[in-house]
Amino acid sequence: MSLEPGKHVTVTLPGGDALPAHVEEADDKSVTIALLLKPHTTLSLFRERVARIEYADHRGLHKLSCTILDAVAGDRLVLAHEPEDVVQRRDYFRVEAYAPLTIVTREESPRTLETSSHDLSAGGMLIADPIEIPAATVIDIQINIDPGVPLRAIGRVIRNTGDKRTAVQIVEIAPGDRQQLMRYITERQRAALRVAGGV
């Protein structure tokens, strides 16, 4: 886990609060993180529970879970130093992004779903899917990332995640639409890096 002193991160506490923080100390066994906003709950209640840490750097967006070892004065948490983190390694960088979508399934009896994305890349997306479209279904996708003409793509359902979310691969998209989608993703990535860097 590459959490060195001075790094800005986002900490999601067990109660659901997501707060900005920075790393104060780090060694082989633990990391001390100072919260930059006051939490709503007494931190000592979270001992032995798990917090989620997120930060971005030139390699992408890192997400990891750490056990809370202790809470110390000044809204500080001491976390177990995990042996490794989860680094995004995909052909296309994926960002968390809400984008309105219109999905039409290419089934014998086509269905239309007005929904949204949870995350996006130039190669696929995770969508909210209350109807749980079956794996391998080919779908027509309309992506509304900006006011104006929507982007259009053909996708294939990879899997249902079991929580009314579905992973979709983009199998065909016009070059101009792909470029526009990649510009949008790059802007979102830069925004995440600015937040992680405290800019």
C-alpha atoms as a PDB file:
ATOM      1  CA  MET A   1       0.000   0.000   0.000  1.00  0.00           C
ATOM      2  CA  SER A   2       1.736   3.178  -1.172  1.00  0.00           C
ATOM      3  CA  LEU A   3       0.374   5.549   1.483  1.00  0.00           C
ATOM      4  CA  GLU A   4       3.230   7.830   2.375  1.00  0.00           C
ATOM      5  CA  PRO A   5       3.149  10.894   4.689  1.00  0.00           C
ATOM      6  CA  GLY A   6       1.551  13.926   3.049  1.00  0.00           C
ATOM      7  CA  LYS A   7      -0.687  11.994   0.646  1.00  0.00           C
ATOM      8  CA  HIS A   8      -4.270  13.235   0.429  1.00  0.00           C
ATOM      9  CA  VAL A   9      -6.955  10.546   0.570  1.00  0.00           C
ATOM     10  CA  THR A  10     -10.681  10.074   1.084  1.00  0.00           C
ATOM     11  CA  VAL A  11     -11.708   7.926   4.050  1.00  0.00           C
ATOM     12  CA  THR A  12     -15.137   6.286   4.142  1.00  0.00           C
ATOM     13  CA  LEU A  13     -15.917   5.372   7.748  1.00  0.00           C
ATOM     14  CA  PRO A  14     -17.984   2.321   8.749  1.00  0.00           C
ATOM     15  CA  GLY A  15     -20.971   4.607   9.324  1.00  0.00           C
ATOM     16  CA  GLY A  16     -20.834   5.822   5.715  1.00  0.00           C
ATOM     17  CA  ASP A  17     -19.220   9.266   6.168  1.00  0.00           C
ATOM     18  CA  ALA A  18     -16.726   9.984   3.352  1.00  0.00           C
ATOM     19  CA  LEU A  19     -14.202  12.539   4.596  1.00  0.00           C
ATOM     20  CA  PRO A  20     -11.041  14.114   3.181  1.00  0.00           C
ATOM     21  CA  ALA A  21      -7.872  13.290   5.075  1.00  0.00           C
ATOM     22  CA  HIS A  22      -4.113  13.178   4.764  1.00  0.00           C
ATOM     23  CA  VAL A  23      -1.504  10.653   5.813  1.00  0.00           C
ATOM     24  CA  GLU A  24       0.610  11.802   8.788  1.00  0.00           C
ATOM     25  CA  GLU A  25       2.733   8.747   9.510  1.00  0.00           C
ATOM     26  CA  ALA A  26       3.318   5.363   7.906  1.00  0.00           C
ATOM     27  CA  ASP A  27       5.459   2.339   8.694  1.00  0.00           C
ATOM     28  CA  ASP A  28       5.413  -1.374   7.899  1.00  0.00           C
ATOM     29  CA  LYS A  29       2.555  -2.081  10.316  1.00  0.00           C
ATOM     30  CA  SER A  30       0.285   0.948  10.450  1.00  0.00           C
ATOM     31  CA  VAL A  31      -0.733   4.250   8.878  1.00  0.00           C
ATOM     32  CA  THR A  32      -1.925   7.307  10.817  1.00  0.00           C
ATOM     33  CA  ILE A  33      -4.477   9.429   8.970  1.00  0.00           C
ATOM     34  CA  ALA A  34      -5.728  12.849  10.073  1.00  0.00           C
ATOM     35  CA  LEU A  35      -9.295  13.710   9.052  1.00  0.00           C
ATOM     36  CA  LEU A  36      -9.743  17.192   7.606  1.00  0.00           C
ATOM     37  CA  LEU A  37     -13.435  17.426   8.516  1.00  0.00           C
ATOM     38  CA  LYS A  38     -15.098  16.624  11.824  1.00  0.00           C
ATOM     39  CA  PRO A  39     -16.795  13.189  11.762  1.00  0.00           C
ATOM     40  CA  HIS A  40     -20.387  12.815  12.958  1.00  0.00           C
ATOM     41  CA  THR A  41     -19.552   9.832  15.186  1.00  0.00           C
ATOM     42  CA  THR A  42     -16.983   9.256  17.923  1.00  0.00           C
ATOM     43  CA  LEU A  43     -14.055   7.611  16.165  1.00  0.00           C
ATOM     44  CA  SER A  44     -13.250   5.277  19.064  1.00  0.00           C
ATOM     45  CA  LEU A  45     -16.459   3.370  18.262  1.00  0.00           C
ATOM     46  CA  PHE A  46     -14.871   2.180  15.026  1.00  0.00           C
ATOM     47  CA  ARG A  47     -11.982   0.185  16.543  1.00  0.00           C
ATOM     48  CA  GLU A  48     -11.523  -3.183  14.830  1.00  0.00           C
ATOM     49  CA  ARG A  49     -13.913  -2.189  12.054  1.00  0.00           C
ATOM     50  CA  VAL A  50     -12.997  -1.508   8.428  1.00  0.00           C
ATOM     51  CA  ALA A  51     -12.593   1.863   6.698  1.00  0.00           C
ATOM     52  CA  ARG A  52     -12.314   2.327   2.923  1.00  0.00           C
ATOM     53  CA  ILE A  53      -9.459   4.450   1.624  1.00  0.00           C
ATOM     54  CA  GLU A  54      -9.384   5.977  -1.850  1.00  0.00           C
ATOM     55  CA  TYR A  55      -6.746   8.074  -3.563  1.00  0.00           C
ATOM     56  CA  ALA A  56      -5.683   8.836  -7.109  1.00  0.00           C
ATOM     57  CA  ASP A  57      -2.256   9.146  -8.675  1.00  0.00           C
ATOM     58  CA  HIS A  58      -0.688   8.784 -12.123  1.00  0.00           C
ATOM     59  CA  ARG A  59      -1.489   5.051 -12.148  1.00  0.00           C
ATOM     60  CA  GLY A  60      -5.209   5.520 -11.585  1.00  0.00           C
ATOM     61  CA  LEU A  61      -7.706   5.350  -8.761  1.00  0.00           C
ATOM     62  CA  HIS A  62      -6.748   3.176  -5.781  1.00  0.00           C
ATOM     63  CA  LYS A  63      -9.355   1.631  -3.499  1.00  0.00           C
ATOM     64  CA  LEU A  64      -8.527  -0.419  -0.423  1.00  0.00           C
ATOM     65  CA  SER A  65      -9.932  -1.502   2.908  1.00  0.00           C
ATOM     66  CA  CYS A  66      -8.037  -1.097   6.189  1.00  0.00           C
ATOM     67  CA  THR A  67      -8.836  -2.275   9.709  1.00  0.00           C
ATOM     68  CA  ILE A  68      -9.053   0.591  12.203  1.00  0.00           C
ATOM     69  CA  LEU A  69      -6.580  -0.169  14.996  1.00  0.00           C
ATOM     70  CA  ASP A  70      -7.128   2.924  17.116  1.00  0.00           C
ATOM     71  CA  ALA A  71      -8.503   6.461  17.260  1.00  0.00           C
ATOM     72  CA  VAL A  72      -6.262   9.179  18.712  1.00  0.00           C
ATOM     73  CA  ALA A  73      -6.644  12.848  19.598  1.00  0.00           C
ATOM     74  CA  GLY A  74      -7.200  15.372  16.833  1.00  0.00           C
ATOM     75  CA  ASP A  75      -9.560  13.239  14.716  1.00  0.00           C
ATOM     76  CA  ARG A  76      -6.828  10.793  13.779  1.00  0.00           C
ATOM     77  CA  LEU A  77      -7.136   7.135  12.901  1.00  0.00           C
ATOM     78  CA  VAL A  78      -4.470   4.458  13.098  1.00  0.00           C
ATOM     79  CA  LEU A  79      -5.070   1.891  10.359  1.00  0.00           C
ATOM     80  CA  ALA A  80      -3.532  -1.495   9.666  1.00  0.00           C
ATOM     81  CA  HIS A  81      -0.936  -1.179   6.905  1.00  0.00           C
ATOM     82  CA  GLU A  82      -2.292  -3.591   4.316  1.00  0.00           C
ATOM     83  CA  PRO A  83       0.277  -5.508   2.228  1.00  0.00           C
ATOM     84  CA  GLU A  84      -1.098  -4.233  -1.077  1.00  0.00           C
ATOM     85  CA  ASP A  85      -3.810  -2.052  -2.490  1.00  0.00           C
ATOM     86  CA  VAL A  86      -6.175  -2.429  -5.403  1.00  0.00           C
ATOM     87  CA  VAL A  87      -4.968  -0.472  -8.401  1.00  0.00           C
ATOM     88  CA  GLN A  88      -7.072  -0.080 -11.463  1.00  0.00           C
ATOM     89  CA  ARG A  89      -5.430  -1.943 -14.325  1.00  0.00           C
ATOM     90  CA  ARG A  90      -7.588  -1.814 -17.447  1.00  0.00           C
ATOM     91  CA  ASP A  91      -7.057  -1.012 -21.077  1.00  0.00           C
ATOM     92  CA  TYR A  92      -9.155   2.102 -20.417  1.00  0.00           C
ATOM     93  CA  PHE A  93      -9.200   4.181 -17.261  1.00  0.00           C
ATOM     94  CA  ARG A  94     -12.537   3.845 -15.445  1.00  0.00           C
ATOM     95  CA  VAL A  95     -14.059   6.676 -13.420  1.00  0.00           C
ATOM     96  CA  GLU A  96     -17.024   6.886 -11.108  1.00  0.00           C
ATOM     97  CA  ALA A  97     -19.598   8.822 -13.091  1.00  0.00           C
ATOM     98  CA  TYR A  98     -23.355   9.293 -13.115  1.00  0.00           C
ATOM     99  CA  ALA A  99     -24.549   9.556 -16.704  1.00  0.00           C
ATOM    100  CA  PRO A 100     -28.177   9.112 -17.796  1.00  0.00           C
ATOM    101  CA  LEU A 101     -28.563   6.131 -20.137  1.00  0.00           C
ATOM    102  CA  THR A 102     -31.253   4.733 -22.404  1.00  0.00           C
ATOM    103  CA  ILE A 103     -30.806   0.990 -22.955  1.00  0.00           C
ATOM    104  CA  VAL A 104     -32.724  -1.035 -25.574  1.00  0.00           C
ATOM    105  CA  THR A 105     -32.140  -4.784 -25.495  1.00  0.00           C
ATOM    106  CA  ARG A 106     -31.753  -6.762 -28.702  1.00  0.00           C
ATOM    107  CA  GLU A 107     -33.935  -9.593 -27.451  1.00  0.00           C
ATOM    108  CA  GLU A 108     -36.832 -11.330 -29.204  1.00  0.00           C
ATOM    109  CA  SER A 109     -39.065  -8.944 -27.259  1.00  0.00           C
ATOM    110  CA  PRO A 110     -36.898  -5.813 -26.857  1.00  0.00           C
ATOM    111  CA  ARG A 111     -37.045  -3.954 -23.561  1.00  0.00           C
ATOM    112  CA  THR A 112     -36.216  -0.299 -22.925  1.00  0.00           C
ATOM    113  CA  LEU A 113     -34.564   0.805 -19.687  1.00  0.00           C
ATOM    114  CA  GLU A 114     -34.055   4.416 -18.588  1.00  0.00           C
ATOM    115  CA  THR A 115     -31.178   4.183 -16.136  1.00  0.00           C
ATOM    116  CA  SER A 116     -27.722   5.588 -15.294  1.00  0.00           C
ATOM    117  CA  SER A 117     -24.109   4.559 -15.017  1.00  0.00           C
ATOM    118  CA  HIS A 118     -22.175   3.992 -11.781  1.00  0.00           C
ATOM    119  CA  ASP A 119     -18.851   4.184 -13.582  1.00  0.00           C
ATOM    120  CA  LEU A 120     -17.611   4.637 -17.135  1.00  0.00           C
ATOM    121  CA  SER A 121     -14.651   3.861 -19.350  1.00  0.00           C
ATOM    122  CA  ALA A 122     -14.122   3.967 -23.098  1.00  0.00           C
ATOM    123  CA  GLY A 123     -14.430   0.179 -23.057  1.00  0.00           C
ATOM    124  CA  GLY A 124     -17.406  -0.386 -20.788  1.00  0.00           C
ATOM    125  CA  MET A 125     -19.491   0.661 -17.830  1.00  0.00           C
ATOM    126  CA  LEU A 126     -21.291  -0.460 -14.708  1.00  0.00           C
ATOM    127  CA  ILE A 127     -24.981   0.416 -14.882  1.00  0.00           C
ATOM    128  CA  ALA A 128     -27.943   0.429 -12.537  1.00  0.00           C
ATOM    129  CA  ASP A 129     -30.082  -2.461 -13.797  1.00  0.00           C
ATOM    130  CA  PRO A 130     -33.302  -3.197 -11.889  1.00  0.00           C
ATOM    131  CA  ILE A 131     -34.500  -5.636 -14.587  1.00  0.00           C
ATOM    132  CA  GLU A 132     -31.204  -7.643 -14.549  1.00  0.00           C
ATOM    133  CA  ILE A 133     -30.565  -8.003 -18.274  1.00  0.00           C
ATOM    134  CA  PRO A 134     -29.143 -11.507 -18.903  1.00  0.00           C
ATOM    135  CA  ALA A 135     -25.437 -12.013 -19.579  1.00  0.00           C
ATOM    136  CA  ALA A 136     -24.438 -12.011 -23.274  1.00  0.00           C
ATOM    137  CA  THR A 137     -27.435  -9.831 -24.256  1.00  0.00           C
ATOM    138  CA  VAL A 138     -26.548  -7.270 -26.923  1.00  0.00           C
ATOM    139  CA  ILE A 139     -27.880  -3.805 -26.130  1.00  0.00           C
ATOM    140  CA  ASP A 140     -28.116  -0.422 -27.811  1.00  0.00           C
ATOM    141  CA  ILE A 141     -26.880   2.332 -25.502  1.00  0.00           C
ATOM    142  CA  GLN A 142     -27.580   6.052 -25.552  1.00  0.00           C
ATOM    143  CA  ILE A 143     -25.188   7.954 -23.234  1.00  0.00           C
ATOM    144  CA  ASN A 144     -26.146  11.467 -22.173  1.00  0.00           C
ATOM    145  CA  ILE A 145     -22.931  12.929 -20.754  1.00  0.00           C
ATOM    146  CA  ASP A 146     -23.573  16.504 -21.880  1.00  0.00           C
ATOM    147  CA  PRO A 147     -26.569  18.543 -23.045  1.00  0.00           C
ATOM    148  CA  GLY A 148     -27.085  18.107 -26.762  1.00  0.00           C
ATOM    149  CA  VAL A 149     -26.671  15.088 -29.012  1.00  0.00           C
ATOM    150  CA  PRO A 150     -26.236  11.863 -26.992  1.00  0.00           C
ATOM    151  CA  LEU A 151     -23.459   9.362 -27.644  1.00  0.00           C
ATOM    152  CA  ARG A 152     -24.509   6.011 -29.084  1.00  0.00           C
ATOM    153  CA  ALA A 153     -22.871   2.618 -28.671  1.00  0.00           C
ATOM    154  CA  ILE A 154     -23.574  -1.087 -28.925  1.00  0.00           C
ATOM    155  CA  GLY A 155     -22.791  -3.078 -25.808  1.00  0.00           C
ATOM    156  CA  ARG A 156     -22.836  -6.623 -24.507  1.00  0.00           C
ATOM    157  CA  VAL A 157     -23.806  -7.584 -20.962  1.00  0.00           C
ATOM    158  CA  ILE A 158     -20.872  -9.249 -19.216  1.00  0.00           C
ATOM    159  CA  ARG A 159     -22.458 -10.121 -15.887  1.00  0.00           C
ATOM    160  CA  ASN A 160     -24.970  -9.094 -13.238  1.00  0.00           C
ATOM    161  CA  THR A 161     -23.204  -8.247  -9.984  1.00  0.00           C
ATOM    162  CA  GLY A 162     -26.107  -9.382  -7.787  1.00  0.00           C
ATOM    163  CA  ASP A 163     -26.982  -5.925  -6.446  1.00  0.00           C
ATOM    164  CA  LYS A 164     -29.098  -4.654  -9.347  1.00  0.00           C
ATOM    165  CA  ARG A 165     -25.962  -3.557 -11.167  1.00  0.00           C
ATOM    166  CA  THR A 166     -24.713  -4.899 -14.469  1.00  0.00           C
ATOM    167  CA  ALA A 167     -21.301  -4.779 -16.124  1.00  0.00           C
ATOM    168  CA  VAL A 168     -21.443  -3.901 -19.821  1.00  0.00           C
ATOM    169  CA  GLN A 169     -18.716  -4.055 -22.469  1.00  0.00           C
ATOM    170  CA  ILE A 170     -18.811  -1.538 -25.305  1.00  0.00           C
ATOM    171  CA  VAL A 171     -18.361  -3.546 -28.488  1.00  0.00           C
ATOM    172  CA  GLU A 172     -19.038  -0.848 -31.079  1.00  0.00           C
ATOM    173  CA  ILE A 173     -18.966   2.951 -30.949  1.00  0.00           C
ATOM    174  CA  ALA A 174     -18.297   5.552 -33.627  1.00  0.00           C
ATOM    175  CA  PRO A 175     -14.791   7.084 -33.458  1.00  0.00           C
ATOM    176  CA  GLY A 176     -16.167  10.570 -32.794  1.00  0.00           C
ATOM    177  CA  ASP A 177     -18.386   9.325 -29.973  1.00  0.00           C
ATOM    178  CA  ARG A 178     -15.490   7.349 -28.456  1.00  0.00           C
ATOM    179  CA  GLN A 179     -13.277  10.442 -28.529  1.00  0.00           C
ATOM    180  CA  GLN A 180     -15.987  12.517 -26.843  1.00  0.00           C
ATOM    181  CA  LEU A 181     -16.452   9.805 -24.200  1.00  0.00           C
ATOM    182  CA  MET A 182     -12.694   9.624 -23.581  1.00  0.00           C
ATOM    183  CA  ARG A 183     -12.520  13.425 -23.193  1.00  0.00           C
ATOM    184  CA  TYR A 184     -15.293  13.245 -20.603  1.00  0.00           C
ATOM    185  CA  ILE A 185     -13.512  10.424 -18.737  1.00  0.00           C
ATOM    186  CA  THR A 186     -10.205  12.318 -18.810  1.00  0.00           C
ATOM    187  CA  GLU A 187     -11.887  15.394 -17.336  1.00  0.00           C
ATOM    188  CA  ARG A 188     -13.388  13.251 -14.563  1.00  0.00           C
ATOM    189  CA  GLN A 189      -9.999  11.648 -13.900  1.00  0.00           C
ATOM    190  CA  ARG A 190      -8.304  15.045 -13.621  1.00  0.00           C
ATOM    191  CA  ALA A 191     -11.017  16.224 -11.243  1.00  0.00           C
ATOM    192  CA  ALA A 192     -10.429  13.133  -9.052  1.00  0.00           C
ATOM    193  CA  LEU A 193      -6.692  13.818  -9.039  1.00  0.00           C
ATOM    194  CA  ARG A 194      -7.277  17.468  -8.068  1.00  0.00           C
ATOM    195  CA  VAL A 195      -9.485  16.374  -5.161  1.00  0.00           C
ATOM    196  CA  ALA A 196      -6.940  13.765  -4.086  1.00  0.00           C
ATOM    197  CA  GLY A 197      -4.185  16.392  -4.230  1.00  0.00           C
ATOM    198  CA  GLY A 198      -6.197  18.930  -2.280  1.00  0.00           C
ATOM    199  CA  VAL A 199      -6.221  21.419  -5.161  1.00  0.00           C
END
